[in-house]
Amino acid sequence: MSYDLVRQTHPGAPSVVGARVRHTPTGRLGRIAPAVPGLGAQLRVRFEGEVLPCRVDPASLVFAIAALVTLPGRRP
């Protein structure tokens, strides 16, 4: 499963499993969890302090974009 529909309907949403997100209505922080069948255009987010991931609309999330860091001796 993948988040292809989310990528099509929300082009600015980097729907990558493991990406850090902040839920704007509540301010909670979490990470994108793997997709499951039947999600539609929603993401599964595992918020900090919770065991099970929740279904969240991508429009209500702020995606934390981290700068890429090259490691010495490694190819970028």
C-alpha atoms as a PDB file:
ATOM      1  CA  MET A   1       0.000   0.000   0.000  1.00  0.00           C
ATOM      2  CA  SER A   2       1.094   3.544  -0.581  1.00  0.00           C
ATOM      3  CA  TYR A   3      -0.171   7.078  -0.302  1.00  0.00           C
ATOM      4  CA  ASP A   4      -0.598   7.647  -4.077  1.00  0.00           C
ATOM      5  CA  LEU A   5      -4.042   9.250  -3.730  1.00  0.00           C
ATOM      6  CA  VAL A   6      -2.717  11.631  -1.056  1.00  0.00           C
ATOM      7  CA  ARG A   7       0.145  12.624  -3.365  1.00  0.00           C
ATOM      8  CA  GLN A   8      -2.342  13.341  -6.169  1.00  0.00           C
ATOM      9  CA  THR A   9      -4.843  15.346  -4.115  1.00  0.00           C
ATOM     10  CA  HIS A  10      -2.307  17.153  -1.880  1.00  0.00           C
ATOM     11  CA  PRO A  11       0.811  17.802  -4.002  1.00  0.00           C
ATOM     12  CA  GLY A  12       2.596  19.716  -1.218  1.00  0.00           C
ATOM     13  CA  ALA A  13       2.278  16.878   1.266  1.00  0.00           C
ATOM     14  CA  PRO A  14       5.440  14.743   1.396  1.00  0.00           C
ATOM     15  CA  SER A  15       3.592  11.588   2.385  1.00  0.00           C
ATOM     16  CA  VAL A  16       6.647   9.530   3.245  1.00  0.00           C
ATOM     17  CA  VAL A  17       6.447   6.911   5.982  1.00  0.00           C
ATOM     18  CA  GLY A  18       8.386   8.145   9.008  1.00  0.00           C
ATOM     19  CA  ALA A  19       8.127  11.861   8.173  1.00  0.00           C
ATOM     20  CA  ARG A  20       7.633  14.163  11.175  1.00  0.00           C
ATOM     21  CA  VAL A  21       4.348  16.079  11.268  1.00  0.00           C
ATOM     22  CA  ARG A  22       2.496  18.494  13.549  1.00  0.00           C
ATOM     23  CA  HIS A  23      -1.305  18.437  13.762  1.00  0.00           C
ATOM     24  CA  THR A  24      -2.344  22.108  13.526  1.00  0.00           C
ATOM     25  CA  PRO A  25      -5.699  21.936  15.409  1.00  0.00           C
ATOM     26  CA  THR A  26      -4.177  20.229  18.458  1.00  0.00           C
ATOM     27  CA  GLY A  27      -0.443  20.949  18.137  1.00  0.00           C
ATOM     28  CA  ARG A  28       0.454  17.273  18.656  1.00  0.00           C
ATOM     29  CA  LEU A  29       3.623  15.883  17.073  1.00  0.00           C
ATOM     30  CA  GLY A  30       3.867  12.534  15.348  1.00  0.00           C
ATOM     31  CA  ARG A  31       5.185  10.454  12.458  1.00  0.00           C
ATOM     32  CA  ILE A  32       3.462   9.130   9.354  1.00  0.00           C
ATOM     33  CA  ALA A  33       2.659   5.425   9.728  1.00  0.00           C
ATOM     34  CA  PRO A  34       2.457   2.863   6.894  1.00  0.00           C
ATOM     35  CA  ALA A  35      -0.707   2.889   4.786  1.00  0.00           C
ATOM     36  CA  VAL A  36      -3.493   0.328   5.032  1.00  0.00           C
ATOM     37  CA  PRO A  37      -6.307  -0.446   2.530  1.00  0.00           C
ATOM     38  CA  GLY A  38      -9.350   1.819   2.599  1.00  0.00           C
ATOM     39  CA  LEU A  39      -7.721   5.072   3.730  1.00  0.00           C
ATOM     40  CA  GLY A  40      -8.726   7.173   0.741  1.00  0.00           C
ATOM     41  CA  ALA A  41      -7.017  10.571   0.816  1.00  0.00           C
ATOM     42  CA  GLN A  42      -6.062  10.391   4.502  1.00  0.00           C
ATOM     43  CA  LEU A  43      -2.787   9.689   6.258  1.00  0.00           C
ATOM     44  CA  ARG A  44      -2.164   7.463   9.245  1.00  0.00           C
ATOM     45  CA  VAL A  45      -0.209   9.339  11.912  1.00  0.00           C
ATOM     46  CA  ARG A  46       1.201   7.851  15.106  1.00  0.00           C
ATOM     47  CA  PHE A  47       1.239  10.718  17.593  1.00  0.00           C
ATOM     48  CA  GLU A  48       3.763  10.852  20.419  1.00  0.00           C
ATOM     49  CA  GLY A  49       2.550   9.050  23.520  1.00  0.00           C
ATOM     50  CA  GLU A  50      -0.032   6.977  21.635  1.00  0.00           C
ATOM     51  CA  VAL A  51       0.194   3.339  20.624  1.00  0.00           C
ATOM     52  CA  LEU A  52      -2.173   3.195  17.653  1.00  0.00           C
ATOM     53  CA  PRO A  53      -2.022   5.538  14.649  1.00  0.00           C
ATOM     54  CA  CYS A  54      -4.952   7.831  13.802  1.00  0.00           C
ATOM     55  CA  ARG A  55      -6.436   8.764  10.429  1.00  0.00           C
ATOM     56  CA  VAL A  56      -5.739  12.424   9.699  1.00  0.00           C
ATOM     57  CA  ASP A  57      -6.563  14.772   6.818  1.00  0.00           C
ATOM     58  CA  PRO A  58      -3.286  15.938   5.185  1.00  0.00           C
ATOM     59  CA  ALA A  59      -4.567  19.537   5.011  1.00  0.00           C
ATOM     60  CA  SER A  60      -4.486  19.729   8.829  1.00  0.00           C
ATOM     61  CA  LEU A  61      -0.818  18.699   9.061  1.00  0.00           C
ATOM     62  CA  VAL A  62       2.368  20.728   8.951  1.00  0.00           C
ATOM     63  CA  PHE A  63       5.242  18.681   7.588  1.00  0.00           C
ATOM     64  CA  ALA A  64       8.650  19.104   9.230  1.00  0.00           C
ATOM     65  CA  ILE A  65      11.172  19.376   6.435  1.00  0.00           C
ATOM     66  CA  ALA A  66      14.665  18.543   7.630  1.00  0.00           C
ATOM     67  CA  ALA A  67      17.761  19.724   5.835  1.00  0.00           C
ATOM     68  CA  LEU A  68      19.791  17.005   4.164  1.00  0.00           C
ATOM     69  CA  VAL A  69      23.163  16.457   5.775  1.00  0.00           C
ATOM     70  CA  THR A  70      25.955  14.714   3.926  1.00  0.00           C
ATOM     71  CA  LEU A  71      28.151  12.427   5.952  1.00  0.00           C
ATOM     72  CA  PRO A  72      31.905  12.632   5.413  1.00  0.00           C
ATOM     73  CA  GLY A  73      33.215   9.833   3.243  1.00  0.00           C
ATOM     74  CA  ARG A  74      29.743   9.015   1.869  1.00  0.00           C
ATOM     75  CA  ARG A  75      28.223   9.735  -1.495  1.00  0.00           C
ATOM     76  CA  PRO A  76      25.229  12.107  -1.408  1.00  0.00           C
END
